[in-house]
Every structure is written in C-alpha cells, then in structure tokens.
Amino acid sequence: MFLLLALIPQLMGHSSLNLALRLMPATLVSVGILGEPVLAIALGYIILGEGITITEILGSLLTLGGIFLVMLYKPKLEILR
C-alpha cells in the first residue's frame, strides 16, 4: 500500500505537469503549481474538518493574489500553441 501511495500520485502528478507544459507556457504552469497548498488547505477543511488558522488564510490569499497577478499581466500568452 505504501508503494502504491508513493507511486500512483507521483506518476499522475508528473504526467499532468508534462501535459500542462505541452499545452501552456512554463510560466503559467510553474505559477499554477503554487496553488496546490491552497487547494490542500481547502480540501482538508471541507473533507477532513480540519481547522484553518489566520496565517493559512493570509498565506492562501497572498498566493492566490500572486497567481491572479501573473494571469492578469500576461495577456498575450499563447495558450494551446
């Protein structure tokens, strides 16, 4: 089970990143990866009922704001080249 827990997410993660790099510029993919902890916090709250601290909320807002700024100020990116 531990081998499967390590192997399957790694293969799926690397495959999805490689696919994303084929379809979008590396800048967007690398910035998009930063949203993973924000999603993990939200899923932990929704599914597991974990609490969220003020620092997690502030960090998530800063991260999402940074992702938004990159998307906003890169209007001429060739998506799906």
C-alpha atoms as a PDB file:
ATOM      1  CA  MET A   1       0.000   0.000   0.000  1.00  0.00           C
ATOM      2  CA  PHE A   2       2.812   2.416   0.822  1.00  0.00           C
ATOM      3  CA  LEU A   3       4.409   1.686  -2.538  1.00  0.00           C
ATOM      4  CA  LEU A   4       1.120   2.408  -4.312  1.00  0.00           C
ATOM      5  CA  LEU A   5       0.614   5.587  -2.272  1.00  0.00           C
ATOM      6  CA  ALA A   6       4.026   6.794  -3.403  1.00  0.00           C
ATOM      7  CA  LEU A   7       3.922   5.529  -6.968  1.00  0.00           C
ATOM      8  CA  ILE A   8       0.455   6.474  -8.215  1.00  0.00           C
ATOM      9  CA  PRO A   9       0.386  10.148  -7.111  1.00  0.00           C
ATOM     10  CA  GLN A  10       3.929  10.648  -8.426  1.00  0.00           C
ATOM     11  CA  LEU A  11       3.099   9.198 -11.824  1.00  0.00           C
ATOM     12  CA  MET A  12      -0.148  11.129 -12.084  1.00  0.00           C
ATOM     13  CA  GLY A  13       1.473  14.354 -10.899  1.00  0.00           C
ATOM     14  CA  HIS A  14       4.429  14.169 -13.270  1.00  0.00           C
ATOM     15  CA  SER A  15       2.238  13.139 -16.192  1.00  0.00           C
ATOM     16  CA  SER A  16      -0.185  16.001 -15.625  1.00  0.00           C
ATOM     17  CA  LEU A  17       2.659  18.514 -15.331  1.00  0.00           C
ATOM     18  CA  ASN A  18       4.231  17.250 -18.554  1.00  0.00           C
ATOM     19  CA  LEU A  19       0.886  17.524 -20.329  1.00  0.00           C
ATOM     20  CA  ALA A  20       0.369  21.027 -18.962  1.00  0.00           C
ATOM     21  CA  LEU A  21       3.834  22.050 -20.180  1.00  0.00           C
ATOM     22  CA  ARG A  22       2.950  20.830 -23.660  1.00  0.00           C
ATOM     23  CA  LEU A  23      -0.219  22.918 -23.713  1.00  0.00           C
ATOM     24  CA  MET A  24       0.759  26.081 -21.801  1.00  0.00           C
ATOM     25  CA  PRO A  25       3.843  28.225 -21.222  1.00  0.00           C
ATOM     26  CA  ALA A  26       6.155  27.159 -18.399  1.00  0.00           C
ATOM     27  CA  THR A  27       5.486  30.423 -16.547  1.00  0.00           C
ATOM     28  CA  LEU A  28       1.813  29.627 -16.115  1.00  0.00           C
ATOM     29  CA  VAL A  29       2.461  26.017 -15.140  1.00  0.00           C
ATOM     30  CA  SER A  30       5.060  26.907 -12.520  1.00  0.00           C
ATOM     31  CA  VAL A  31       2.861  29.607 -11.011  1.00  0.00           C
ATOM     32  CA  GLY A  32      -0.161  27.315 -11.109  1.00  0.00           C
ATOM     33  CA  ILE A  33       1.701  24.722  -9.034  1.00  0.00           C
ATOM     34  CA  LEU A  34       1.790  27.269  -6.207  1.00  0.00           C
ATOM     35  CA  GLY A  35      -1.971  26.847  -5.860  1.00  0.00           C
ATOM     36  CA  GLU A  36      -1.604  23.240  -4.699  1.00  0.00           C
ATOM     37  CA  PRO A  37      -1.167  24.048  -0.978  1.00  0.00           C
ATOM     38  CA  VAL A  38      -4.181  26.367  -1.118  1.00  0.00           C
ATOM     39  CA  LEU A  39      -6.264  23.535  -2.566  1.00  0.00           C
ATOM     40  CA  ALA A  40      -4.906  21.152   0.079  1.00  0.00           C
ATOM     41  CA  ILE A  41      -5.960  23.539   2.857  1.00  0.00           C
ATOM     42  CA  ALA A  42      -9.442  23.895   1.370  1.00  0.00           C
ATOM     43  CA  LEU A  43      -9.869  20.134   0.915  1.00  0.00           C
ATOM     44  CA  GLY A  44      -8.620  19.468   4.441  1.00  0.00           C
ATOM     45  CA  TYR A  45     -11.218  21.858   5.771  1.00  0.00           C
ATOM     46  CA  ILE A  46     -14.074  20.506   3.648  1.00  0.00           C
ATOM     47  CA  ILE A  47     -13.359  16.763   3.712  1.00  0.00           C
ATOM     48  CA  LEU A  48     -11.488  16.212   6.965  1.00  0.00           C
ATOM     49  CA  GLY A  49     -12.986  19.014   9.023  1.00  0.00           C
ATOM     50  CA  GLU A  50      -9.588  20.469   9.933  1.00  0.00           C
ATOM     51  CA  GLY A  51      -9.365  23.982  11.275  1.00  0.00           C
ATOM     52  CA  ILE A  52      -7.845  26.850   9.334  1.00  0.00           C
ATOM     53  CA  THR A  53      -5.594  29.356  11.058  1.00  0.00           C
ATOM     54  CA  ILE A  54      -5.386  33.042  10.215  1.00  0.00           C
ATOM     55  CA  THR A  55      -1.869  32.573   8.843  1.00  0.00           C
ATOM     56  CA  GLU A  56      -3.129  29.886   6.455  1.00  0.00           C
ATOM     57  CA  ILE A  57      -5.896  32.196   5.286  1.00  0.00           C
ATOM     58  CA  LEU A  58      -3.494  35.114   4.781  1.00  0.00           C
ATOM     59  CA  GLY A  59      -0.937  32.906   3.026  1.00  0.00           C
ATOM     60  CA  SER A  60      -3.621  31.463   0.771  1.00  0.00           C
ATOM     61  CA  LEU A  61      -4.886  34.923  -0.131  1.00  0.00           C
ATOM     62  CA  LEU A  62      -1.357  36.116  -0.928  1.00  0.00           C
ATOM     63  CA  THR A  63      -0.712  33.038  -3.056  1.00  0.00           C
ATOM     64  CA  LEU A  64      -3.979  33.361  -4.961  1.00  0.00           C
ATOM     65  CA  GLY A  65      -3.326  37.085  -5.413  1.00  0.00           C
ATOM     66  CA  GLY A  66       0.089  36.344  -6.911  1.00  0.00           C
ATOM     67  CA  ILE A  67      -1.376  33.760  -9.276  1.00  0.00           C
ATOM     68  CA  PHE A  68      -4.051  36.263 -10.286  1.00  0.00           C
ATOM     69  CA  LEU A  69      -1.439  38.960 -10.974  1.00  0.00           C
ATOM     70  CA  VAL A  70       0.561  36.640 -13.216  1.00  0.00           C
ATOM     71  CA  MET A  71      -2.575  35.713 -15.141  1.00  0.00           C
ATOM     72  CA  LEU A  72      -3.658  39.357 -15.358  1.00  0.00           C
ATOM     73  CA  TYR A  73      -0.365  40.827 -16.585  1.00  0.00           C
ATOM     74  CA  LYS A  74       0.413  38.096 -19.094  1.00  0.00           C
ATOM     75  CA  PRO A  75      -2.470  38.706 -21.524  1.00  0.00           C
ATOM     76  CA  LYS A  76      -0.610  37.725 -24.686  1.00  0.00           C
ATOM     77  CA  LEU A  77       0.435  34.229 -23.643  1.00  0.00           C
ATOM     78  CA  GLU A  78      -0.091  31.663 -26.326  1.00  0.00           C
ATOM     79  CA  ILE A  79      -2.298  29.074 -24.680  1.00  0.00           C
ATOM     80  CA  LEU A  80      -2.713  25.822 -26.591  1.00  0.00           C
ATOM     81  CA  ARG A  81       0.031  26.693 -29.038  1.00  0.00           C
END
